[in-house]
Every structure is written in C-alpha cells, then in structure tokens.
Amino acid sequence: MMLHCMYPYKKFRYDPWSVEYLCSDPTSPLANIPLESIFEFSAFQLLSSNEQDELARLLPTVDATTTTTTTNNNTNSESNKTITEAFFSKDQNPIFWNALDDWQTMLAHGELGTFETYWGELNDRDKMHNVAGDSKNITLKDMCRKGLIRERDVIVYKRNFSACKVVVSKSMTVVKADGATGISIELDNEIFEDFETPTALETKILDQHGKVSKDKRPNGNAFKSIRLLRGGKDLGRLFDIRKDGFGEN
C-alpha cells in the first residue's frame, strides 16, 4: 500500500491490458503491430450483437447499416446498427485507414501520452514537433520544383465531414505545375489557377462542391486528404510524398 502511494502511476503505466496504456504510450504494442491484423471484419464478427451495435453507433451514418428485427408475432421490431465488411477494406474506405495510420504514427511518436517519464522524453517530443512545424513551410510550389507534382498528374481529394454527414470526393487534373506559382487544375471542366498550398486547393474544392459550409469545415492537414495518381498509378497521399521527397522523419 505504501509503495502504491509513493508511485501511484507505476502500475497503471505498465499494465499491458490497460486501455490508457495501449492507446497512449509509445511502447504500446499497438504502435508497431500491423493494424489490419486487428481491424478486420472477422474480428468484428466475434463481438456480440449489442457490442457491434454500440460500435456502429459511434460511426457516421454513411459507415453503418441499420437492420430491423421483428419479434413477438410481428408486433414488435428492434433496430440495430452494424458495420459492413466494406468498412474494413483499405481500397473501399481509405479515409478510415488514413486516419488510423495517422493515429498509429502519433502513438509511436509519443504524441498521445498524458504524462512524461523523464525530462528527455519531453525534449525529444519538442524536437519532433519542430520537424513537423518545419514541414508546414513546404508548399505545392516546392513539390513542383522537385518534380513531385507534374503536369497531367491526377489529384484525388476525399474527406468525410461528419458534422454535416457529407463525404466529398473529387478528381482533378494538374494542367500546370510551376515552381514559381504552384499548380493549376481542371476541376468540373473549369480551370483554376495558381494554388500554392493544399489548404487553398481544399478550400476551392469545397467551395466548388458547395455542400460543406465554411463553419462546418474543421481544421486538418489537407496534405493528408489529397492523393496523387500518375499514369494510372496511385503514388499515395501528398503528405507521404512530401515526407519522402524532402527526407522528413
């Protein structure tokens, strides 16, 4: 008891089954395990109907399916929500998997913890945030100069806006990739010019789409919502292309 009072967090921190530990500590096995081995449809099916329903109700309407069960000689009915196999597919639900990948990266980097074990840990984290801050200075112009974005590339934007229950999915062609002015795109048969940042591009896409008002647009890293295709090949998110191209950690 005395030992527990002197070190109140020790047991909590290293309890391998603690949800807090698994979801916040960079030494958690979830920081490195292939998440597709956990987030799979067959594992979801092992849960009880009530547990499946509880999880499904946490998702936006577009990601869940409602089923109705009739009982007592067709006099009573009960509605439950469930999640389809498509939700767990990386090809059919890239938004979920992109968010999951980002979460795992943050976990591995110690960005989800609520306390520090030693001063060095805080210093290391500060260095990591500095790198992230420096990367924000890299623009679409920089990516064009390095040849990471080229004329005739196809840009695919997709983002789920849960606040207004809208998924925005748009494809556009790069008609100009200039290291001095940025990119110009053809979107919905119109040409829009000189985007220097992905945020400016995202704003134009959403304005053009017209179903997500400005007050319903949460902050986010637009680099993560945009994928690049070249010659029919998916090159990945601009976030990852930028990271690889500029040697970020």
C-alpha atoms as a PDB file:
ATOM      1  CA  MET A   1       0.000   0.000   0.000  1.00  0.00           C
ATOM      2  CA  MET A   2       2.800   2.412   0.920  1.00  0.00           C
ATOM      3  CA  LEU A   3       4.612   1.594  -2.324  1.00  0.00           C
ATOM      4  CA  HIS A   4       1.427   2.250  -4.280  1.00  0.00           C
ATOM      5  CA  CYS A   5       1.049   5.666  -2.628  1.00  0.00           C
ATOM      6  CA  MET A   6       4.650   6.609  -3.416  1.00  0.00           C
ATOM      7  CA  TYR A   7       4.379   5.548  -7.064  1.00  0.00           C
ATOM      8  CA  PRO A   8       0.668   5.915  -7.918  1.00  0.00           C
ATOM      9  CA  TYR A   9       1.141   5.697 -11.710  1.00  0.00           C
ATOM     10  CA  LYS A  10       3.649   2.866 -11.983  1.00  0.00           C
ATOM     11  CA  LYS A  11       1.163   0.012 -12.057  1.00  0.00           C
ATOM     12  CA  PHE A  12      -1.166   1.911 -14.380  1.00  0.00           C
ATOM     13  CA  ARG A  13       1.578   2.776 -16.815  1.00  0.00           C
ATOM     14  CA  TYR A  14       2.883  -0.722 -17.326  1.00  0.00           C
ATOM     15  CA  ASP A  15      -0.358  -2.686 -17.133  1.00  0.00           C
ATOM     16  CA  PRO A  16      -0.280  -4.366 -20.573  1.00  0.00           C
ATOM     17  CA  TRP A  17      -4.085  -4.601 -20.684  1.00  0.00           C
ATOM     18  CA  SER A  18      -4.807  -1.021 -19.657  1.00  0.00           C
ATOM     19  CA  VAL A  19      -6.670   0.821 -22.412  1.00  0.00           C
ATOM     20  CA  GLU A  20      -4.918   4.008 -21.312  1.00  0.00           C
ATOM     21  CA  TYR A  21      -1.516   2.363 -21.745  1.00  0.00           C
ATOM     22  CA  LEU A  22      -2.323   0.671 -25.049  1.00  0.00           C
ATOM     23  CA  CYS A  23      -3.717   3.856 -26.583  1.00  0.00           C
ATOM     24  CA  SER A  24      -1.318   6.481 -25.229  1.00  0.00           C
ATOM     25  CA  ASP A  25       2.140   5.032 -24.559  1.00  0.00           C
ATOM     26  CA  PRO A  26       4.703   4.853 -27.403  1.00  0.00           C
ATOM     27  CA  THR A  27       5.887   1.446 -26.111  1.00  0.00           C
ATOM     28  CA  SER A  28       2.384   0.055 -26.624  1.00  0.00           C
ATOM     29  CA  PRO A  29       2.295  -2.942 -29.000  1.00  0.00           C
ATOM     30  CA  LEU A  30      -0.328  -1.038 -30.998  1.00  0.00           C
ATOM     31  CA  ALA A  31       2.393   1.408 -32.042  1.00  0.00           C
ATOM     32  CA  ASN A  32       4.063  -1.202 -34.256  1.00  0.00           C
ATOM     33  CA  ILE A  33       1.638  -4.044 -34.900  1.00  0.00           C
ATOM     34  CA  PRO A  34       0.071  -4.240 -38.395  1.00  0.00           C
ATOM     35  CA  LEU A  35      -3.318  -2.721 -37.654  1.00  0.00           C
ATOM     36  CA  GLU A  36      -5.006  -4.702 -40.414  1.00  0.00           C
ATOM     37  CA  SER A  37      -4.487  -7.774 -38.212  1.00  0.00           C
ATOM     38  CA  ILE A  38      -6.785  -6.205 -35.607  1.00  0.00           C
ATOM     39  CA  PHE A  39      -9.226  -4.032 -37.518  1.00  0.00           C
ATOM     40  CA  GLU A  40     -10.725  -6.733 -39.694  1.00  0.00           C
ATOM     41  CA  PHE A  41     -14.267  -7.851 -40.347  1.00  0.00           C
ATOM     42  CA  SER A  42     -13.798 -11.365 -38.945  1.00  0.00           C
ATOM     43  CA  ALA A  43     -12.683  -9.895 -35.598  1.00  0.00           C
ATOM     44  CA  PHE A  44     -15.685  -7.570 -35.556  1.00  0.00           C
ATOM     45  CA  GLN A  45     -17.997 -10.557 -36.106  1.00  0.00           C
ATOM     46  CA  LEU A  46     -16.702 -12.172 -32.899  1.00  0.00           C
ATOM     47  CA  LEU A  47     -18.386  -9.426 -30.881  1.00  0.00           C
ATOM     48  CA  SER A  48     -21.922  -9.797 -29.577  1.00  0.00           C
ATOM     49  CA  SER A  49     -24.786  -8.101 -31.401  1.00  0.00           C
ATOM     50  CA  ASN A  50     -25.030  -5.459 -28.680  1.00  0.00           C
ATOM     51  CA  GLU A  51     -21.302  -4.717 -28.882  1.00  0.00           C
ATOM     52  CA  GLN A  52     -21.466  -4.469 -32.669  1.00  0.00           C
ATOM     53  CA  ASP A  53     -24.421  -2.127 -32.396  1.00  0.00           C
ATOM     54  CA  GLU A  54     -22.621   0.019 -29.802  1.00  0.00           C
ATOM     55  CA  LEU A  55     -19.566   0.428 -32.017  1.00  0.00           C
ATOM     56  CA  ALA A  56     -21.634   1.065 -35.137  1.00  0.00           C
ATOM     57  CA  ARG A  57     -23.496   3.897 -33.427  1.00  0.00           C
ATOM     58  CA  LEU A  58     -20.190   5.703 -32.908  1.00  0.00           C
ATOM     59  CA  LEU A  59     -19.679   5.955 -36.671  1.00  0.00           C
ATOM     60  CA  PRO A  60     -21.135   8.467 -39.146  1.00  0.00           C
ATOM     61  CA  THR A  61     -24.366   7.318 -40.770  1.00  0.00           C
ATOM     62  CA  VAL A  62     -22.642   6.618 -44.088  1.00  0.00           C
ATOM     63  CA  ASP A  63     -20.405   3.997 -42.449  1.00  0.00           C
ATOM     64  CA  ALA A  64     -23.087   1.977 -40.661  1.00  0.00           C
ATOM     65  CA  THR A  65     -26.008  -0.171 -41.791  1.00  0.00           C
ATOM     66  CA  THR A  66     -29.299  -0.367 -39.901  1.00  0.00           C
ATOM     67  CA  THR A  67     -31.018  -3.728 -39.577  1.00  0.00           C
ATOM     68  CA  THR A  68     -34.524  -4.317 -38.230  1.00  0.00           C
ATOM     69  CA  THR A  69     -35.533  -7.454 -36.336  1.00  0.00           C
ATOM     70  CA  THR A  70     -39.203  -8.289 -35.826  1.00  0.00           C
ATOM     71  CA  THR A  71     -40.269 -10.303 -32.762  1.00  0.00           C
ATOM     72  CA  ASN A  72     -43.403 -11.393 -30.905  1.00  0.00           C
ATOM     73  CA  ASN A  73     -45.506 -12.451 -33.887  1.00  0.00           C
ATOM     74  CA  ASN A  74     -44.529  -9.420 -35.953  1.00  0.00           C
ATOM     75  CA  THR A  75     -45.864  -6.979 -33.365  1.00  0.00           C
ATOM     76  CA  ASN A  76     -42.555  -5.548 -32.163  1.00  0.00           C
ATOM     77  CA  SER A  77     -39.479  -4.558 -34.085  1.00  0.00           C
ATOM     78  CA  GLU A  78     -35.984  -3.683 -32.963  1.00  0.00           C
ATOM     79  CA  SER A  79     -33.439  -1.667 -34.937  1.00  0.00           C
ATOM     80  CA  ASN A  80     -29.737  -2.341 -34.667  1.00  0.00           C
ATOM     81  CA  LYS A  81     -26.762  -0.875 -36.441  1.00  0.00           C
ATOM     82  CA  THR A  82     -23.868  -2.863 -37.800  1.00  0.00           C
ATOM     83  CA  ILE A  83     -20.726  -2.346 -39.850  1.00  0.00           C
ATOM     84  CA  THR A  84     -20.286  -3.976 -43.242  1.00  0.00           C
ATOM     85  CA  GLU A  85     -17.179  -5.755 -44.487  1.00  0.00           C
ATOM     86  CA  ALA A  86     -16.506  -2.854 -46.873  1.00  0.00           C
ATOM     87  CA  PHE A  87     -15.767  -0.566 -43.924  1.00  0.00           C
ATOM     88  CA  PHE A  88     -12.631  -2.597 -43.109  1.00  0.00           C
ATOM     89  CA  SER A  89     -11.335  -2.527 -46.697  1.00  0.00           C
ATOM     90  CA  LYS A  90      -8.357  -0.250 -47.393  1.00  0.00           C
ATOM     91  CA  ASP A  91      -9.488   0.115 -51.005  1.00  0.00           C
ATOM     92  CA  GLN A  92     -13.117   0.923 -50.222  1.00  0.00           C
ATOM     93  CA  ASN A  93     -12.575   3.007 -47.098  1.00  0.00           C
ATOM     94  CA  PRO A  94      -9.258   4.900 -47.420  1.00  0.00           C
ATOM     95  CA  ILE A  95     -10.468   7.707 -45.122  1.00  0.00           C
ATOM     96  CA  PHE A  96     -10.665   5.353 -42.148  1.00  0.00           C
ATOM     97  CA  TRP A  97      -7.296   3.750 -42.858  1.00  0.00           C
ATOM     98  CA  ASN A  98      -5.558   7.092 -43.417  1.00  0.00           C
ATOM     99  CA  ALA A  99      -6.865   8.283 -40.054  1.00  0.00           C
ATOM    100  CA  LEU A 100      -5.811   5.006 -38.437  1.00  0.00           C
ATOM    101  CA  ASP A 101      -2.316   5.284 -39.894  1.00  0.00           C
ATOM    102  CA  ASP A 102      -2.029   8.847 -38.583  1.00  0.00           C
ATOM    103  CA  TRP A 103      -3.173   7.722 -35.130  1.00  0.00           C
ATOM    104  CA  GLN A 104      -0.593   4.931 -35.032  1.00  0.00           C
ATOM    105  CA  THR A 105       2.149   7.360 -36.063  1.00  0.00           C
ATOM    106  CA  MET A 106       1.155   9.755 -33.279  1.00  0.00           C
ATOM    107  CA  LEU A 107       1.099   6.877 -30.797  1.00  0.00           C
ATOM    108  CA  ALA A 108       4.561   5.688 -31.828  1.00  0.00           C
ATOM    109  CA  HIS A 109       5.920   9.236 -31.542  1.00  0.00           C
ATOM    110  CA  GLY A 110       4.537   9.706 -28.036  1.00  0.00           C
ATOM    111  CA  GLU A 111       2.036  12.392 -29.022  1.00  0.00           C
ATOM    112  CA  LEU A 112      -0.910  10.720 -27.250  1.00  0.00           C
ATOM    113  CA  GLY A 113       0.596  10.396 -23.775  1.00  0.00           C
ATOM    114  CA  THR A 114      -0.728  12.334 -20.773  1.00  0.00           C
ATOM    115  CA  PHE A 115       2.466  12.377 -18.707  1.00  0.00           C
ATOM    116  CA  GLU A 116       6.254  12.253 -19.031  1.00  0.00           C
ATOM    117  CA  THR A 117       8.556   9.620 -17.553  1.00  0.00           C
ATOM    118  CA  TYR A 118      11.693  11.715 -17.771  1.00  0.00           C
ATOM    119  CA  TRP A 119      12.765  15.156 -18.970  1.00  0.00           C
ATOM    120  CA  GLY A 120      14.481  13.769 -22.062  1.00  0.00           C
ATOM    121  CA  GLU A 121      11.183  12.401 -23.322  1.00  0.00           C
ATOM    122  CA  LEU A 122       9.740  15.903 -23.370  1.00  0.00           C
ATOM    123  CA  ASN A 123      12.799  17.262 -25.167  1.00  0.00           C
ATOM    124  CA  ASP A 124      12.585  14.545 -27.806  1.00  0.00           C
ATOM    125  CA  ARG A 125       8.939  15.355 -28.346  1.00  0.00           C
ATOM    126  CA  ASP A 126       9.732  19.037 -28.733  1.00  0.00           C
ATOM    127  CA  LYS A 127      12.257  18.172 -31.446  1.00  0.00           C
ATOM    128  CA  MET A 128       9.646  16.105 -33.225  1.00  0.00           C
ATOM    129  CA  HIS A 129       7.138  18.966 -33.162  1.00  0.00           C
ATOM    130  CA  ASN A 130       9.806  21.268 -34.555  1.00  0.00           C
ATOM    131  CA  VAL A 131      10.259  18.928 -37.515  1.00  0.00           C
ATOM    132  CA  ALA A 132       6.504  18.883 -38.028  1.00  0.00           C
ATOM    133  CA  GLY A 133       6.459  22.663 -37.841  1.00  0.00           C
ATOM    134  CA  ASP A 134       9.268  22.978 -40.411  1.00  0.00           C
ATOM    135  CA  SER A 135       7.435  20.656 -42.784  1.00  0.00           C
ATOM    136  CA  LYS A 136       4.489  23.062 -42.880  1.00  0.00           C
ATOM    137  CA  ASN A 137       6.717  25.522 -44.719  1.00  0.00           C
ATOM    138  CA  ILE A 138       6.943  23.142 -47.689  1.00  0.00           C
ATOM    139  CA  THR A 139       4.403  24.229 -50.299  1.00  0.00           C
ATOM    140  CA  LEU A 140       2.985  22.858 -53.519  1.00  0.00           C
ATOM    141  CA  LYS A 141       5.472  25.152 -55.290  1.00  0.00           C
ATOM    142  CA  ASP A 142       8.329  23.343 -53.556  1.00  0.00           C
ATOM    143  CA  MET A 143       6.885  19.985 -54.590  1.00  0.00           C
ATOM    144  CA  CYS A 144       6.598  21.176 -58.196  1.00  0.00           C
ATOM    145  CA  ARG A 145      10.206  22.372 -58.221  1.00  0.00           C
ATOM    146  CA  LYS A 146      11.304  18.939 -57.020  1.00  0.00           C
ATOM    147  CA  GLY A 147       9.193  17.183 -59.643  1.00  0.00           C
ATOM    148  CA  LEU A 148       6.945  15.543 -57.062  1.00  0.00           C
ATOM    149  CA  ILE A 149       3.886  17.067 -58.749  1.00  0.00           C
ATOM    150  CA  ARG A 150       3.826  17.205 -62.537  1.00  0.00           C
ATOM    151  CA  GLU A 151       1.606  18.331 -65.359  1.00  0.00           C
ATOM    152  CA  ARG A 152      -1.070  15.736 -66.263  1.00  0.00           C
ATOM    153  CA  ASP A 153      -0.961  14.192 -62.783  1.00  0.00           C
ATOM    154  CA  VAL A 154      -4.397  13.390 -61.377  1.00  0.00           C
ATOM    155  CA  ILE A 155      -5.271  14.684 -57.922  1.00  0.00           C
ATOM    156  CA  VAL A 156      -7.940  12.880 -55.899  1.00  0.00           C
ATOM    157  CA  TYR A 157      -9.447  14.643 -52.895  1.00  0.00           C
ATOM    158  CA  LYS A 158     -11.598  12.718 -50.417  1.00  0.00           C
ATOM    159  CA  ARG A 159     -12.692  13.703 -46.941  1.00  0.00           C
ATOM    160  CA  ASN A 160     -15.546  12.778 -44.609  1.00  0.00           C
ATOM    161  CA  PHE A 161     -17.227  15.769 -42.948  1.00  0.00           C
ATOM    162  CA  SER A 162     -19.135  14.049 -40.149  1.00  0.00           C
ATOM    163  CA  ALA A 163     -20.634  17.291 -38.808  1.00  0.00           C
ATOM    164  CA  CYS A 164     -22.795  17.612 -41.917  1.00  0.00           C
ATOM    165  CA  LYS A 165     -22.772  13.915 -42.914  1.00  0.00           C
ATOM    166  CA  VAL A 166     -21.133  14.590 -46.264  1.00  0.00           C
ATOM    167  CA  VAL A 167     -18.288  12.772 -47.982  1.00  0.00           C
ATOM    168  CA  VAL A 168     -16.586  14.986 -50.550  1.00  0.00           C
ATOM    169  CA  SER A 169     -14.788  13.077 -53.311  1.00  0.00           C
ATOM    170  CA  LYS A 170     -13.338  14.962 -56.286  1.00  0.00           C
ATOM    171  CA  SER A 171     -10.833  14.149 -59.018  1.00  0.00           C
ATOM    172  CA  MET A 172      -8.970  16.806 -60.987  1.00  0.00           C
ATOM    173  CA  THR A 173      -6.126  17.032 -63.477  1.00  0.00           C
ATOM    174  CA  VAL A 174      -2.999  19.119 -62.998  1.00  0.00           C
ATOM    175  CA  VAL A 175      -2.765  21.361 -66.070  1.00  0.00           C
ATOM    176  CA  LYS A 176       0.254  23.302 -64.806  1.00  0.00           C
ATOM    177  CA  ALA A 177       2.917  22.508 -62.212  1.00  0.00           C
ATOM    178  CA  ASP A 178       5.135  25.540 -61.718  1.00  0.00           C
ATOM    179  CA  GLY A 179       7.801  26.031 -59.076  1.00  0.00           C
ATOM    180  CA  ALA A 180       7.098  29.764 -59.032  1.00  0.00           C
ATOM    181  CA  THR A 181       3.288  29.864 -58.941  1.00  0.00           C
ATOM    182  CA  GLY A 182       2.162  26.413 -57.788  1.00  0.00           C
ATOM    183  CA  ILE A 183      -0.374  24.222 -59.562  1.00  0.00           C
ATOM    184  CA  SER A 184      -3.348  24.876 -61.789  1.00  0.00           C
ATOM    185  CA  ILE A 185      -6.100  22.285 -62.068  1.00  0.00           C
ATOM    186  CA  GLU A 186      -9.042  21.302 -64.229  1.00  0.00           C
ATOM    187  CA  LEU A 187     -11.994  20.609 -61.932  1.00  0.00           C
ATOM    188  CA  ASP A 188     -15.543  20.019 -63.185  1.00  0.00           C
ATOM    189  CA  ASN A 189     -14.491  21.212 -66.662  1.00  0.00           C
ATOM    190  CA  GLU A 190     -13.197  24.517 -65.295  1.00  0.00           C
ATOM    191  CA  ILE A 191      -9.618  25.705 -64.913  1.00  0.00           C
ATOM    192  CA  PHE A 192      -8.483  27.115 -61.552  1.00  0.00           C
ATOM    193  CA  GLU A 193      -5.026  28.584 -61.302  1.00  0.00           C
ATOM    194  CA  ASP A 194      -2.031  29.009 -59.051  1.00  0.00           C
ATOM    195  CA  PHE A 195      -2.588  27.092 -55.837  1.00  0.00           C
ATOM    196  CA  GLU A 196       0.458  27.376 -53.608  1.00  0.00           C
ATOM    197  CA  THR A 197      -0.818  25.309 -50.655  1.00  0.00           C
ATOM    198  CA  PRO A 198      -3.072  22.250 -50.281  1.00  0.00           C
ATOM    199  CA  THR A 199      -5.278  24.251 -47.900  1.00  0.00           C
ATOM    200  CA  ALA A 200      -6.030  26.774 -50.638  1.00  0.00           C
ATOM    201  CA  LEU A 201      -6.746  23.905 -53.022  1.00  0.00           C
ATOM    202  CA  GLU A 202      -9.035  22.229 -50.484  1.00  0.00           C
ATOM    203  CA  THR A 203     -10.937  25.483 -49.990  1.00  0.00           C
ATOM    204  CA  LYS A 204     -11.567  25.785 -53.723  1.00  0.00           C
ATOM    205  CA  ILE A 205     -12.669  22.144 -53.959  1.00  0.00           C
ATOM    206  CA  LEU A 206     -15.155  22.570 -51.107  1.00  0.00           C
ATOM    207  CA  ASP A 207     -16.431  25.863 -52.471  1.00  0.00           C
ATOM    208  CA  GLN A 208     -16.939  24.179 -55.840  1.00  0.00           C
ATOM    209  CA  HIS A 209     -18.656  21.185 -54.220  1.00  0.00           C
ATOM    210  CA  GLY A 210     -20.990  23.522 -52.354  1.00  0.00           C
ATOM    211  CA  LYS A 211     -22.339  21.202 -49.651  1.00  0.00           C
ATOM    212  CA  VAL A 212     -19.923  21.904 -46.795  1.00  0.00           C
ATOM    213  CA  SER A 213     -20.343  25.401 -45.401  1.00  0.00           C
ATOM    214  CA  LYS A 214     -17.301  27.215 -44.054  1.00  0.00           C
ATOM    215  CA  ASP A 215     -18.462  26.831 -40.442  1.00  0.00           C
ATOM    216  CA  LYS A 216     -18.618  23.031 -40.894  1.00  0.00           C
ATOM    217  CA  ARG A 217     -15.027  22.695 -42.101  1.00  0.00           C
ATOM    218  CA  PRO A 218     -12.785  21.527 -39.228  1.00  0.00           C
ATOM    219  CA  ASN A 219      -9.088  22.216 -39.177  1.00  0.00           C
ATOM    220  CA  GLY A 220      -6.929  19.500 -40.646  1.00  0.00           C
ATOM    221  CA  ASN A 221      -3.833  18.771 -42.675  1.00  0.00           C
ATOM    222  CA  ALA A 222      -5.044  18.993 -46.276  1.00  0.00           C
ATOM    223  CA  PHE A 223      -1.900  17.137 -47.415  1.00  0.00           C
ATOM    224  CA  LYS A 224      -3.496  14.015 -45.881  1.00  0.00           C
ATOM    225  CA  SER A 225      -6.778  14.308 -47.799  1.00  0.00           C
ATOM    226  CA  ILE A 226      -5.197  14.501 -51.260  1.00  0.00           C
ATOM    227  CA  ARG A 227      -3.781  11.576 -53.236  1.00  0.00           C
ATOM    228  CA  LEU A 228      -1.706  11.757 -56.409  1.00  0.00           C
ATOM    229  CA  LEU A 229      -2.068   9.476 -59.437  1.00  0.00           C
ATOM    230  CA  ARG A 230       0.379   9.359 -62.320  1.00  0.00           C
ATOM    231  CA  GLY A 231      -0.149   7.212 -65.389  1.00  0.00           C
ATOM    232  CA  GLY A 232      -2.941   5.389 -63.589  1.00  0.00           C
ATOM    233  CA  LYS A 233      -0.701   4.509 -60.633  1.00  0.00           C
ATOM    234  CA  ASP A 234      -1.610   5.679 -57.127  1.00  0.00           C
ATOM    235  CA  LEU A 235       1.516   7.359 -55.726  1.00  0.00           C
ATOM    236  CA  GLY A 236      -0.052   7.909 -52.285  1.00  0.00           C
ATOM    237  CA  ARG A 237      -1.024  10.907 -50.193  1.00  0.00           C
ATOM    238  CA  LEU A 238       0.677  14.263 -50.743  1.00  0.00           C
ATOM    239  CA  PHE A 239       1.575  14.046 -47.046  1.00  0.00           C
ATOM    240  CA  ASP A 240       3.664  10.910 -47.609  1.00  0.00           C
ATOM    241  CA  ILE A 241       5.057  12.052 -50.972  1.00  0.00           C
ATOM    242  CA  ARG A 242       6.217  15.298 -49.349  1.00  0.00           C
ATOM    243  CA  LYS A 243       7.737  13.421 -46.410  1.00  0.00           C
ATOM    244  CA  ASP A 244       9.666  11.033 -48.646  1.00  0.00           C
ATOM    245  CA  GLY A 245      10.682  13.713 -51.114  1.00  0.00           C
ATOM    246  CA  PHE A 246      12.100  16.083 -48.552  1.00  0.00           C
ATOM    247  CA  GLY A 247      13.627  13.490 -46.233  1.00  0.00           C
ATOM    248  CA  GLU A 248      11.462  14.250 -43.187  1.00  0.00           C
ATOM    249  CA  ASN A 249      11.461  11.950 -40.170  1.00  0.00           C
END
